[in-house]
Amino acid sequence: MSTEHTDADAFIKEGILFAERGDFDNAIMCFTEALKLAPNNAEAYHNRGLAYYNKGDGDRAIEDWTQAVRLDPNDAEAYSGRGVAYKDKGDYDRALADFTQALKLDPNYVAA
């Protein structure tokens, strides 16, 4: 494993810890640093999207979850998260499409 990925993983882990404590600004900073080191890291986009969503920035969350599913088309949680953000915006067609895709990927994913 390269140092680049190890460092990115460390930022992701730290970001998750910040997010679990409700410190979404520092979580976003950590995920952004991870993406500087590993720009195609779907997990970093996924988690940064979740932090943006929890911070109340649904549009930025949608952008990050879109990148996450582009990089990892099997990420049911990213589809579901994006679906919730679309639902919040009143874009029910896109929300339904994302929830449907999440369930196709993981039929037992209750949140979808």
PDB file of N, CA and C in Angstrom:
ATOM      1  N   MET A   1       0.849  -1.178   0.000  1.00  0.00           N
ATOM      2  CA  MET A   1       0.000   0.000   0.000  1.00  0.00           C
ATOM      3  C   MET A   1       0.890   1.234   0.000  1.00  0.00           C
ATOM      4  N   SER A   2       0.524   2.214  -0.809  1.00  0.00           N
ATOM      5  CA  SER A   2       1.350   3.410  -0.886  1.00  0.00           C
ATOM      6  C   SER A   2       1.104   4.315   0.313  1.00  0.00           C
ATOM      7  N   THR A   3       2.082   5.163   0.571  1.00  0.00           N
ATOM      8  CA  THR A   3       1.946   6.138   1.652  1.00  0.00           C
ATOM      9  C   THR A   3       0.767   7.055   1.382  1.00  0.00           C
ATOM     10  N   GLU A   4       0.528   7.371   0.097  1.00  0.00           N
ATOM     11  CA  GLU A   4      -0.589   8.241  -0.282  1.00  0.00           C
ATOM     12  C   GLU A   4      -1.911   7.693   0.256  1.00  0.00           C
ATOM     13  N   HIS A   5      -2.154   6.419   0.039  1.00  0.00           N
ATOM     14  CA  HIS A   5      -3.409   5.824   0.500  1.00  0.00           C
ATOM     15  C   HIS A   5      -3.444   5.686   2.018  1.00  0.00           C
ATOM     16  N   THR A   6      -2.317   5.384   2.624  1.00  0.00           N
ATOM     17  CA  THR A   6      -2.262   5.269   4.077  1.00  0.00           C
ATOM     18  C   THR A   6      -2.601   6.610   4.713  1.00  0.00           C
ATOM     19  N   ASP A   7      -2.016   7.693   4.195  1.00  0.00           N
ATOM     20  CA  ASP A   7      -2.297   9.024   4.728  1.00  0.00           C
ATOM     21  C   ASP A   7      -3.754   9.412   4.487  1.00  0.00           C
ATOM     22  N   ALA A   8      -4.272   9.112   3.324  1.00  0.00           N
ATOM     23  CA  ALA A   8      -5.674   9.420   3.027  1.00  0.00           C
ATOM     24  C   ALA A   8      -6.587   8.650   3.971  1.00  0.00           C
ATOM     25  N   ASP A   9      -6.271   7.390   4.189  1.00  0.00           N
ATOM     26  CA  ASP A   9      -7.080   6.580   5.112  1.00  0.00           C
ATOM     27  C   ASP A   9      -7.045   7.158   6.524  1.00  0.00           C
ATOM     28  N   ALA A  10      -5.894   7.670   6.942  1.00  0.00           N
ATOM     29  CA  ALA A  10      -5.788   8.271   8.272  1.00  0.00           C
ATOM     30  C   ALA A  10      -6.685   9.500   8.367  1.00  0.00           C
ATOM     31  N   PHE A  11      -6.693  10.331   7.321  1.00  0.00           N
ATOM     32  CA  PHE A  11      -7.582  11.496   7.321  1.00  0.00           C
ATOM     33  C   PHE A  11      -9.048  11.073   7.351  1.00  0.00           C
ATOM     34  N   ILE A  12      -9.385  10.006   6.625  1.00  0.00           N
ATOM     35  CA  ILE A  12     -10.771   9.528   6.617  1.00  0.00           C
ATOM     36  C   ILE A  12     -11.171   9.061   8.012  1.00  0.00           C
ATOM     37  N   LYS A  13     -10.317   8.287   8.644  1.00  0.00           N
ATOM     38  CA  LYS A  13     -10.620   7.804  10.003  1.00  0.00           C
ATOM     39  C   LYS A  13     -10.787   8.968  10.972  1.00  0.00           C
ATOM     40  N   GLU A  14      -9.913   9.950  10.873  1.00  0.00           N
ATOM     41  CA  GLU A  14     -10.017  11.119  11.745  1.00  0.00           C
ATOM     42  C   GLU A  14     -11.312  11.888  11.460  1.00  0.00           C
ATOM     43  N   GLY A  15     -11.640  12.008  10.178  1.00  0.00           N
ATOM     44  CA  GLY A  15     -12.873  12.702   9.801  1.00  0.00           C
ATOM     45  C   GLY A  15     -14.103  12.012  10.349  1.00  0.00           C
ATOM     46  N   ILE A  16     -14.107  10.694  10.314  1.00  0.00           N
ATOM     47  CA  ILE A  16     -15.233   9.936  10.859  1.00  0.00           C
ATOM     48  C   ILE A  16     -15.367  10.195  12.358  1.00  0.00           C
ATOM     49  N   LEU A  17     -14.245  10.249  13.054  1.00  0.00           N
ATOM     50  CA  LEU A  17     -14.289  10.535  14.497  1.00  0.00           C
ATOM     51  C   LEU A  17     -14.866  11.925  14.764  1.00  0.00           C
ATOM     52  N   PHE A  18     -14.432  12.922  13.985  1.00  0.00           N
ATOM     53  CA  PHE A  18     -15.000  14.267  14.143  1.00  0.00           C
ATOM     54  C   PHE A  18     -16.498  14.249  13.871  1.00  0.00           C
ATOM     55  N   ALA A  19     -16.910  13.566  12.808  1.00  0.00           N
ATOM     56  CA  ALA A  19     -18.326  13.521  12.453  1.00  0.00           C
ATOM     57  C   ALA A  19     -19.152  12.854  13.548  1.00  0.00           C
ATOM     58  N   GLU A  20     -18.621  11.803  14.132  1.00  0.00           N
ATOM     59  CA  GLU A  20     -19.338  11.104  15.210  1.00  0.00           C
ATOM     60  C   GLU A  20     -19.547  12.005  16.420  1.00  0.00           C
ATOM     61  N   ARG A  21     -18.659  12.983  16.590  1.00  0.00           N
ATOM     62  CA  ARG A  21     -18.791  13.931  17.704  1.00  0.00           C
ATOM     63  C   ARG A  21     -19.622  15.154  17.311  1.00  0.00           C
ATOM     64  N   GLY A  22     -20.076  15.180  16.058  1.00  0.00           N
ATOM     65  CA  GLY A  22     -20.877  16.310  15.597  1.00  0.00           C
ATOM     66  C   GLY A  22     -20.062  17.506  15.146  1.00  0.00           C
ATOM     67  N   ASP A  23     -18.756  17.341  15.003  1.00  0.00           N
ATOM     68  CA  ASP A  23     -17.873  18.411  14.539  1.00  0.00           C
ATOM     69  C   ASP A  23     -17.708  18.276  13.027  1.00  0.00           C
ATOM     70  N   PHE A  24     -18.729  18.732  12.308  1.00  0.00           N
ATOM     71  CA  PHE A  24     -18.777  18.509  10.872  1.00  0.00           C
ATOM     72  C   PHE A  24     -17.781  19.374  10.107  1.00  0.00           C
ATOM     73  N   ASP A  25     -17.443  20.560  10.619  1.00  0.00           N
ATOM     74  CA  ASP A  25     -16.451  21.389   9.934  1.00  0.00           C
ATOM     75  C   ASP A  25     -15.087  20.703   9.901  1.00  0.00           C
ATOM     76  N   ASN A  26     -14.657  20.170  11.029  1.00  0.00           N
ATOM     77  CA  ASN A  26     -13.371  19.461  11.045  1.00  0.00           C
ATOM     78  C   ASN A  26     -13.444  18.148  10.278  1.00  0.00           C
ATOM     79  N   ALA A  27     -14.592  17.490  10.306  1.00  0.00           N
ATOM     80  CA  ALA A  27     -14.758  16.269   9.518  1.00  0.00           C
ATOM     81  C   ALA A  27     -14.586  16.580   8.032  1.00  0.00           C
ATOM     82  N   ILE A  28     -15.246  17.631   7.578  1.00  0.00           N
ATOM     83  CA  ILE A  28     -15.147  18.031   6.163  1.00  0.00           C
ATOM     84  C   ILE A  28     -13.704  18.354   5.812  1.00  0.00           C
ATOM     85  N   MET A  29     -13.007  19.048   6.708  1.00  0.00           N
ATOM     86  CA  MET A  29     -11.608  19.370   6.462  1.00  0.00           C
ATOM     87  C   MET A  29     -10.776  18.098   6.292  1.00  0.00           C
ATOM     88  N   CYS A  30     -10.999  17.112   7.145  1.00  0.00           N
ATOM     89  CA  CYS A  30     -10.244  15.853   7.052  1.00  0.00           C
ATOM     90  C   CYS A  30     -10.538  15.120   5.747  1.00  0.00           C
ATOM     91  N   PHE A  31     -11.813  15.038   5.376  1.00  0.00           N
ATOM     92  CA  PHE A  31     -12.160  14.353   4.140  1.00  0.00           C
ATOM     93  C   PHE A  31     -11.599  15.091   2.923  1.00  0.00           C
ATOM     94  N   THR A  32     -11.577  16.410   2.987  1.00  0.00           N
ATOM     95  CA  THR A  32     -10.997  17.201   1.898  1.00  0.00           C
ATOM     96  C   THR A  32      -9.494  16.931   1.789  1.00  0.00           C
ATOM     97  N   GLU A  33      -8.819  16.846   2.924  1.00  0.00           N
ATOM     98  CA  GLU A  33      -7.383  16.525   2.907  1.00  0.00           C
ATOM     99  C   GLU A  33      -7.154  15.128   2.325  1.00  0.00           C
ATOM    100  N   ALA A  34      -8.014  14.180   2.672  1.00  0.00           N
ATOM    101  CA  ALA A  34      -7.900  12.834   2.107  1.00  0.00           C
ATOM    102  C   ALA A  34      -8.027  12.881   0.595  1.00  0.00           C
ATOM    103  N   LEU A  35      -8.951  13.698   0.114  1.00  0.00           N
ATOM    104  CA  LEU A  35      -9.173  13.788  -1.336  1.00  0.00           C
ATOM    105  C   LEU A  35      -8.021  14.485  -2.049  1.00  0.00           C
ATOM    106  N   LYS A  36      -7.318  15.362  -1.373  1.00  0.00           N
ATOM    107  CA  LYS A  36      -6.119  15.958  -1.970  1.00  0.00           C
ATOM    108  C   LYS A  36      -5.054  14.892  -2.207  1.00  0.00           C
ATOM    109  N   LEU A  37      -4.981  13.925  -1.290  1.00  0.00           N
ATOM    110  CA  LEU A  37      -3.989  12.855  -1.405  1.00  0.00           C
ATOM    111  C   LEU A  37      -4.454  11.727  -2.326  1.00  0.00           C
ATOM    112  N   ALA A  38      -5.738  11.474  -2.346  1.00  0.00           N
ATOM    113  CA  ALA A  38      -6.304  10.372  -3.147  1.00  0.00           C
ATOM    114  C   ALA A  38      -7.604  10.873  -3.784  1.00  0.00           C
ATOM    115  N   PRO A  39      -7.489  11.607  -4.899  1.00  0.00           N
ATOM    116  CA  PRO A  39      -8.652  12.281  -5.482  1.00  0.00           C
ATOM    117  C   PRO A  39      -9.771  11.352  -5.980  1.00  0.00           C
ATOM    118  N   ASN A  40      -9.497  10.085  -6.103  1.00  0.00           N
ATOM    119  CA  ASN A  40     -10.519   9.143  -6.560  1.00  0.00           C
ATOM    120  C   ASN A  40     -11.001   8.230  -5.443  1.00  0.00           C
ATOM    121  N   ASN A  41     -10.951   8.704  -4.222  1.00  0.00           N
ATOM    122  CA  ASN A  41     -11.343   7.899  -3.078  1.00  0.00           C
ATOM    123  C   ASN A  41     -12.846   8.069  -2.828  1.00  0.00           C
ATOM    124  N   ALA A  42     -13.608   7.069  -3.220  1.00  0.00           N
ATOM    125  CA  ALA A  42     -15.066   7.121  -3.086  1.00  0.00           C
ATOM    126  C   ALA A  42     -15.495   7.241  -1.627  1.00  0.00           C
ATOM    127  N   GLU A  43     -14.766   6.578  -0.731  1.00  0.00           N
ATOM    128  CA  GLU A  43     -15.124   6.626   0.687  1.00  0.00           C
ATOM    129  C   GLU A  43     -15.026   8.044   1.248  1.00  0.00           C
ATOM    130  N   ALA A  44     -14.006   8.783   0.826  1.00  0.00           N
ATOM    131  CA  ALA A  44     -13.849  10.165   1.292  1.00  0.00           C
ATOM    132  C   ALA A  44     -14.996  11.032   0.789  1.00  0.00           C
ATOM    133  N   TYR A  45     -15.362  10.864  -0.487  1.00  0.00           N
ATOM    134  CA  TYR A  45     -16.511  11.616  -1.017  1.00  0.00           C
ATOM    135  C   TYR A  45     -17.789  11.244  -0.272  1.00  0.00           C
ATOM    136  N   HIS A  46     -17.985   9.959  -0.061  1.00  0.00           N
ATOM    137  CA  HIS A  46     -19.186   9.489   0.637  1.00  0.00           C
ATOM    138  C   HIS A  46     -19.295  10.128   2.023  1.00  0.00           C
ATOM    139  N   ASN A  47     -18.213  10.045   2.786  1.00  0.00           N
ATOM    140  CA  ASN A  47     -18.236  10.566   4.148  1.00  0.00           C
ATOM    141  C   ASN A  47     -18.312  12.089   4.189  1.00  0.00           C
ATOM    142  N   ARG A  48     -17.656  12.756   3.245  1.00  0.00           N
ATOM    143  CA  ARG A  48     -17.760  14.219   3.216  1.00  0.00           C
ATOM    144  C   ARG A  48     -19.188  14.626   2.858  1.00  0.00           C
ATOM    145  N   GLY A  49     -19.824  13.866   1.961  1.00  0.00           N
ATOM    146  CA  GLY A  49     -21.224  14.136   1.646  1.00  0.00           C
ATOM    147  C   GLY A  49     -22.106  14.018   2.869  1.00  0.00           C
ATOM    148  N   LEU A  50     -21.864  12.988   3.655  1.00  0.00           N
ATOM    149  CA  LEU A  50     -22.636  12.792   4.884  1.00  0.00           C
ATOM    150  C   LEU A  50     -22.408  13.953   5.862  1.00  0.00           C
ATOM    151  N   ALA A  51     -21.165  14.412   5.972  1.00  0.00           N
ATOM    152  CA  ALA A  51     -20.862  15.536   6.865  1.00  0.00           C
ATOM    153  C   ALA A  51     -21.548  16.814   6.370  1.00  0.00           C
ATOM    154  N   TYR A  52     -21.474  17.057   5.065  1.00  0.00           N
ATOM    155  CA  TYR A  52     -22.161  18.236   4.521  1.00  0.00           C
ATOM    156  C   TYR A  52     -23.667  18.144   4.789  1.00  0.00           C
ATOM    157  N   TYR A  53     -24.239  16.969   4.581  1.00  0.00           N
ATOM    158  CA  TYR A  53     -25.672  16.805   4.799  1.00  0.00           C
ATOM    159  C   TYR A  53     -26.020  17.092   6.263  1.00  0.00           C
ATOM    160  N   ASN A  54     -25.257  16.520   7.168  1.00  0.00           N
ATOM    161  CA  ASN A  54     -25.521  16.724   8.591  1.00  0.00           C
ATOM    162  C   ASN A  54     -25.282  18.166   9.020  1.00  0.00           C
ATOM    163  N   LYS A  55     -24.483  18.882   8.270  1.00  0.00           N
ATOM    164  CA  LYS A  55     -24.237  20.298   8.538  1.00  0.00           C
ATOM    165  C   LYS A  55     -25.364  21.162   7.963  1.00  0.00           C
ATOM    166  N   GLY A  56     -26.204  20.558   7.114  1.00  0.00           N
ATOM    167  CA  GLY A  56     -27.322  21.295   6.533  1.00  0.00           C
ATOM    168  C   GLY A  56     -27.087  21.773   5.120  1.00  0.00           C
ATOM    169  N   ASP A  57     -26.040  21.295   4.477  1.00  0.00           N
ATOM    170  CA  ASP A  57     -25.724  21.702   3.105  1.00  0.00           C
ATOM    171  C   ASP A  57     -26.024  20.552   2.148  1.00  0.00           C
ATOM    172  N   GLY A  58     -27.300  20.395   1.836  1.00  0.00           N
ATOM    173  CA  GLY A  58     -27.745  19.300   0.982  1.00  0.00           C
ATOM    174  C   GLY A  58     -27.176  19.344  -0.424  1.00  0.00           C
ATOM    175  N   ASP A  59     -26.996  20.552  -0.962  1.00  0.00           N
ATOM    176  CA  ASP A  59     -26.462  20.655  -2.318  1.00  0.00           C
ATOM    177  C   ASP A  59     -25.033  20.138  -2.402  1.00  0.00           C
ATOM    178  N   ARG A  60     -24.205  20.503  -1.429  1.00  0.00           N
ATOM    179  CA  ARG A  60     -22.830  20.003  -1.424  1.00  0.00           C
ATOM    180  C   ARG A  60     -22.809  18.498  -1.164  1.00  0.00           C
ATOM    181  N   ALA A  61     -23.730  18.030  -0.333  1.00  0.00           N
ATOM    182  CA  ALA A  61     -23.825  16.589  -0.073  1.00  0.00           C
ATOM    183  C   ALA A  61     -24.144  15.849  -1.367  1.00  0.00           C
ATOM    184  N   ILE A  62     -25.095  16.363  -2.125  1.00  0.00           N
ATOM    185  CA  ILE A  62     -25.462  15.731  -3.401  1.00  0.00           C
ATOM    186  C   ILE A  62     -24.257  15.681  -4.328  1.00  0.00           C
ATOM    187  N   GLU A  63     -23.486  16.758  -4.398  1.00  0.00           N
ATOM    188  CA  GLU A  63     -22.286  16.778  -5.255  1.00  0.00           C
ATOM    189  C   GLU A  63     -21.317  15.668  -4.849  1.00  0.00           C
ATOM    190  N   ASP A  64     -21.078  15.551  -3.547  1.00  0.00           N
ATOM    191  CA  ASP A  64     -20.117  14.541  -3.092  1.00  0.00           C
ATOM    192  C   ASP A  64     -20.654  13.135  -3.272  1.00  0.00           C
ATOM    193  N   TRP A  65     -21.929  12.906  -2.972  1.00  0.00           N
ATOM    194  CA  TRP A  65     -22.493  11.572  -3.170  1.00  0.00           C
ATOM    195  C   TRP A  65     -22.528  11.206  -4.649  1.00  0.00           C
ATOM    196  N   THR A  66     -22.701  12.190  -5.517  1.00  0.00           N
ATOM    197  CA  THR A  66     -22.649  11.927  -6.964  1.00  0.00           C
ATOM    198  C   THR A  66     -21.249  11.454  -7.351  1.00  0.00           C
ATOM    199  N   GLN A  67     -20.225  12.095  -6.796  1.00  0.00           N
ATOM    200  CA  GLN A  67     -18.855  11.651  -7.052  1.00  0.00           C
ATOM    201  C   GLN A  67     -18.625  10.254  -6.472  1.00  0.00           C
ATOM    202  N   ALA A  68     -19.155  10.001  -5.282  1.00  0.00           N
ATOM    203  CA  ALA A  68     -18.970   8.690  -4.648  1.00  0.00           C
ATOM    204  C   ALA A  68     -19.555   7.584  -5.511  1.00  0.00           C
ATOM    205  N   VAL A  69     -20.759   7.781  -6.037  1.00  0.00           N
ATOM    206  CA  VAL A  69     -21.367   6.713  -6.849  1.00  0.00           C
ATOM    207  C   VAL A  69     -20.726   6.631  -8.233  1.00  0.00           C
ATOM    208  N   ARG A  70     -20.161   7.731  -8.708  1.00  0.00           N
ATOM    209  CA  ARG A  70     -19.425   7.667  -9.972  1.00  0.00           C
ATOM    210  C   ARG A  70     -18.192   6.785  -9.799  1.00  0.00           C
ATOM    211  N   LEU A  71     -17.524   6.936  -8.653  1.00  0.00           N
ATOM    212  CA  LEU A  71     -16.309   6.170  -8.390  1.00  0.00           C
ATOM    213  C   LEU A  71     -16.593   4.757  -7.891  1.00  0.00           C
ATOM    214  N   ASP A  72     -17.711   4.583  -7.192  1.00  0.00           N
ATOM    215  CA  ASP A  72     -18.094   3.268  -6.679  1.00  0.00           C
ATOM    216  C   ASP A  72     -19.587   3.066  -6.921  1.00  0.00           C
ATOM    217  N   PRO A  73     -19.952   2.574  -8.106  1.00  0.00           N
ATOM    218  CA  PRO A  73     -21.363   2.417  -8.456  1.00  0.00           C
ATOM    219  C   PRO A  73     -22.118   1.410  -7.583  1.00  0.00           C
ATOM    220  N   ASN A  74     -21.421   0.724  -6.691  1.00  0.00           N
ATOM    221  CA  ASN A  74     -22.071  -0.248  -5.800  1.00  0.00           C
ATOM    222  C   ASN A  74     -22.297   0.288  -4.392  1.00  0.00           C
ATOM    223  N   ASP A  75     -22.154   1.588  -4.199  1.00  0.00           N
ATOM    224  CA  ASP A  75     -22.296   2.202  -2.878  1.00  0.00           C
ATOM    225  C   ASP A  75     -23.768   2.520  -2.606  1.00  0.00           C
ATOM    226  N   ALA A  76     -24.478   1.542  -2.069  1.00  0.00           N
ATOM    227  CA  ALA A  76     -25.912   1.700  -1.795  1.00  0.00           C
ATOM    228  C   ALA A  76     -26.167   2.845  -0.819  1.00  0.00           C
ATOM    229  N   GLU A  77     -25.286   3.013   0.156  1.00  0.00           N
ATOM    230  CA  GLU A  77     -25.481   4.071   1.148  1.00  0.00           C
ATOM    231  C   GLU A  77     -25.382   5.457   0.520  1.00  0.00           C
ATOM    232  N   ALA A  78     -24.480   5.629  -0.442  1.00  0.00           N
ATOM    233  CA  ALA A  78     -24.358   6.929  -1.106  1.00  0.00           C
ATOM    234  C   ALA A  78     -25.612   7.218  -1.931  1.00  0.00           C
ATOM    235  N   TYR A  79     -26.125   6.195  -2.625  1.00  0.00           N
ATOM    236  CA  TYR A  79     -27.376   6.396  -3.362  1.00  0.00           C
ATOM    237  C   TYR A  79     -28.503   6.778  -2.407  1.00  0.00           C
ATOM    238  N   SER A  80     -28.588   6.097  -1.291  1.00  0.00           N
ATOM    239  CA  SER A  80     -29.649   6.372  -0.328  1.00  0.00           C
ATOM    240  C   SER A  80     -29.507   7.765   0.280  1.00  0.00           C
ATOM    241  N   GLY A  81     -28.289   8.130   0.653  1.00  0.00           N
ATOM    242  CA  GLY A  81     -28.058   9.463   1.202  1.00  0.00           C
ATOM    243  C   GLY A  81     -28.432  10.545   0.211  1.00  0.00           C
ATOM    244  N   ARG A  82     -28.006  10.354  -1.037  1.00  0.00           N
ATOM    245  CA  ARG A  82     -28.345  11.336  -2.066  1.00  0.00           C
ATOM    246  C   ARG A  82     -29.850  11.378  -2.269  1.00  0.00           C
ATOM    247  N   GLY A  83     -30.492  10.206  -2.177  1.00  0.00           N
ATOM    248  CA  GLY A  83     -31.945  10.170  -2.300  1.00  0.00           C
ATOM    249  C   GLY A  83     -32.632  10.991  -1.218  1.00  0.00           C
ATOM    250  N   VAL A  84     -32.145  10.906  -0.007  1.00  0.00           N
ATOM    251  CA  VAL A  84     -32.707  11.701   1.094  1.00  0.00           C
ATOM    252  C   VAL A  84     -32.523  13.191   0.804  1.00  0.00           C
ATOM    253  N   ALA A  85     -31.340  13.566   0.336  1.00  0.00           N
ATOM    254  CA  ALA A  85     -31.081  14.980   0.035  1.00  0.00           C
ATOM    255  C   ALA A  85     -31.997  15.469  -1.090  1.00  0.00           C
ATOM    256  N   TYR A  86     -32.188  14.634  -2.113  1.00  0.00           N
ATOM    257  CA  TYR A  86     -33.123  15.011  -3.183  1.00  0.00           C
ATOM    258  C   TYR A  86     -34.549  15.130  -2.645  1.00  0.00           C
ATOM    259  N   LYS A  87     -34.942  14.207  -1.772  1.00  0.00           N
ATOM    260  CA  LYS A  87     -36.283  14.261  -1.181  1.00  0.00           C
ATOM    261  C   LYS A  87     -36.467  15.558  -0.423  1.00  0.00           C
ATOM    262  N   ASP A  88     -35.456  15.944   0.342  1.00  0.00           N
ATOM    263  CA  ASP A  88     -35.509  17.188   1.109  1.00  0.00           C
ATOM    264  C   ASP A  88     -35.706  18.405   0.209  1.00  0.00           C
ATOM    265  N   LYS A  89     -35.166  18.336  -1.003  1.00  0.00           N
ATOM    266  CA  LYS A  89     -35.296  19.438  -1.957  1.00  0.00           C
ATOM    267  C   LYS A  89     -36.619  19.386  -2.723  1.00  0.00           C
ATOM    268  N   GLY A  90     -37.386  18.312  -2.517  1.00  0.00           N
ATOM    269  CA  GLY A  90     -38.644  18.155  -3.247  1.00  0.00           C
ATOM    270  C   GLY A  90     -38.478  17.534  -4.617  1.00  0.00           C
ATOM    271  N   ASP A  91     -37.301  17.000  -4.905  1.00  0.00           N
ATOM    272  CA  ASP A  91     -37.030  16.352  -6.190  1.00  0.00           C
ATOM    273  C   ASP A  91     -37.309  14.857  -6.018  1.00  0.00           C
ATOM    274  N   TYR A  92     -38.596  14.538  -6.012  1.00  0.00           N
ATOM    275  CA  TYR A  92     -39.027  13.178  -5.678  1.00  0.00           C
ATOM    276  C   TYR A  92     -38.671  12.152  -6.750  1.00  0.00           C
ATOM    277  N   ASP A  93     -38.621  12.554  -8.001  1.00  0.00           N
ATOM    278  CA  ASP A  93     -38.254  11.605  -9.056  1.00  0.00           C
ATOM    279  C   ASP A  93     -36.811  11.124  -8.876  1.00  0.00           C
ATOM    280  N   ARG A  94     -35.901  12.064  -8.626  1.00  0.00           N
ATOM    281  CA  ARG A  94     -34.499  11.678  -8.413  1.00  0.00           C
ATOM    282  C   ARG A  94     -34.348  10.898  -7.116  1.00  0.00           C
ATOM    283  N   ALA A  95     -35.091  11.301  -6.097  1.00  0.00           N
ATOM    284  CA  ALA A  95     -35.031  10.581  -4.815  1.00  0.00           C
ATOM    285  C   ALA A  95     -35.468   9.135  -5.011  1.00  0.00           C
ATOM    286  N   LEU A  96     -36.573   8.938  -5.692  1.00  0.00           N
ATOM    287  CA  LEU A  96     -37.081   7.588  -5.924  1.00  0.00           C
ATOM    288  C   LEU A  96     -36.089   6.761  -6.738  1.00  0.00           C
ATOM    289  N   ALA A  97     -35.480   7.372  -7.744  1.00  0.00           N
ATOM    290  CA  ALA A  97     -34.491   6.659  -8.561  1.00  0.00           C
ATOM    291  C   ALA A  97     -33.303   6.219  -7.707  1.00  0.00           C
ATOM    292  N   ASP A  98     -32.838   7.097  -6.813  1.00  0.00           N
ATOM    293  CA  ASP A  98     -31.701   6.737  -5.964  1.00  0.00           C
ATOM    294  C   ASP A  98     -32.071   5.665  -4.947  1.00  0.00           C
ATOM    295  N   PHE A  99     -33.251   5.776  -4.335  1.00  0.00           N
ATOM    296  CA  PHE A  99     -33.680   4.746  -3.386  1.00  0.00           C
ATOM    297  C   PHE A  99     -33.826   3.398  -4.086  1.00  0.00           C
ATOM    298  N   THR A 100     -34.372   3.427  -5.303  1.00  0.00           N
ATOM    299  CA  THR A 100     -34.539   2.195  -6.073  1.00  0.00           C
ATOM    300  C   THR A 100     -33.189   1.561  -6.375  1.00  0.00           C
ATOM    301  N   GLN A 101     -32.221   2.386  -6.775  1.00  0.00           N
ATOM    302  CA  GLN A 101     -30.881   1.860  -7.072  1.00  0.00           C
ATOM    303  C   GLN A 101     -30.231   1.298  -5.805  1.00  0.00           C
ATOM    304  N   ALA A 102     -30.395   1.994  -4.697  1.00  0.00           N
ATOM    305  CA  ALA A 102     -29.827   1.498  -3.435  1.00  0.00           C
ATOM    306  C   ALA A 102     -30.398   0.123  -3.099  1.00  0.00           C
ATOM    307  N   LEU A 103     -31.691  -0.051  -3.301  1.00  0.00           N
ATOM    308  CA  LEU A 103     -32.325  -1.340  -2.997  1.00  0.00           C
ATOM    309  C   LEU A 103     -31.930  -2.426  -3.996  1.00  0.00           C
ATOM    310  N   LYS A 104     -31.667  -2.046  -5.233  1.00  0.00           N
ATOM    311  CA  LYS A 104     -31.169  -3.028  -6.197  1.00  0.00           C
ATOM    312  C   LYS A 104     -29.808  -3.561  -5.758  1.00  0.00           C
ATOM    313  N   LEU A 105     -28.983  -2.646  -5.246  1.00  0.00           N
ATOM    314  CA  LEU A 105     -27.635  -3.021  -4.816  1.00  0.00           C
ATOM    315  C   LEU A 105     -27.661  -3.806  -3.519  1.00  0.00           C
ATOM    316  N   ASP A 106     -28.583  -3.436  -2.625  1.00  0.00           N
ATOM    317  CA  ASP A 106     -28.671  -4.094  -1.322  1.00  0.00           C
ATOM    318  C   ASP A 106     -30.125  -4.174  -0.920  1.00  0.00           C
ATOM    319  N   PRO A 107     -30.802  -5.258  -1.291  1.00  0.00           N
ATOM    320  CA  PRO A 107     -32.238  -5.398  -1.006  1.00  0.00           C
ATOM    321  C   PRO A 107     -32.580  -5.338   0.473  1.00  0.00           C
ATOM    322  N   ASN A 108     -31.629  -5.539   1.345  1.00  0.00           N
ATOM    323  CA  ASN A 108     -31.885  -5.496   2.788  1.00  0.00           C
ATOM    324  C   ASN A 108     -31.541  -4.139   3.412  1.00  0.00           C
ATOM    325  N   TYR A 109     -31.202  -3.154   2.594  1.00  0.00           N
ATOM    326  CA  TYR A 109     -30.812  -1.851   3.113  1.00  0.00           C
ATOM    327  C   TYR A 109     -32.068  -1.078   3.512  1.00  0.00           C
ATOM    328  N   VAL A 110     -32.400  -1.154   4.782  1.00  0.00           N
ATOM    329  CA  VAL A 110     -33.657  -0.636   5.314  1.00  0.00           C
ATOM    330  C   VAL A 110     -33.795   0.869   5.108  1.00  0.00           C
ATOM    331  N   ALA A 111     -32.713   1.624   5.223  1.00  0.00           N
ATOM    332  CA  ALA A 111     -32.801   3.075   5.107  1.00  0.00           C
ATOM    333  C   ALA A 111     -33.315   3.505   3.731  1.00  0.00           C
ATOM    334  N   ALA A 112     -33.057   2.718   2.720  1.00  0.00           N
ATOM    335  CA  ALA A 112     -33.531   3.069   1.373  1.00  0.00           C
ATOM    336  C   ALA A 112     -35.002   2.772   1.236  1.00  0.00           C
TER     337      ALA A 112
END
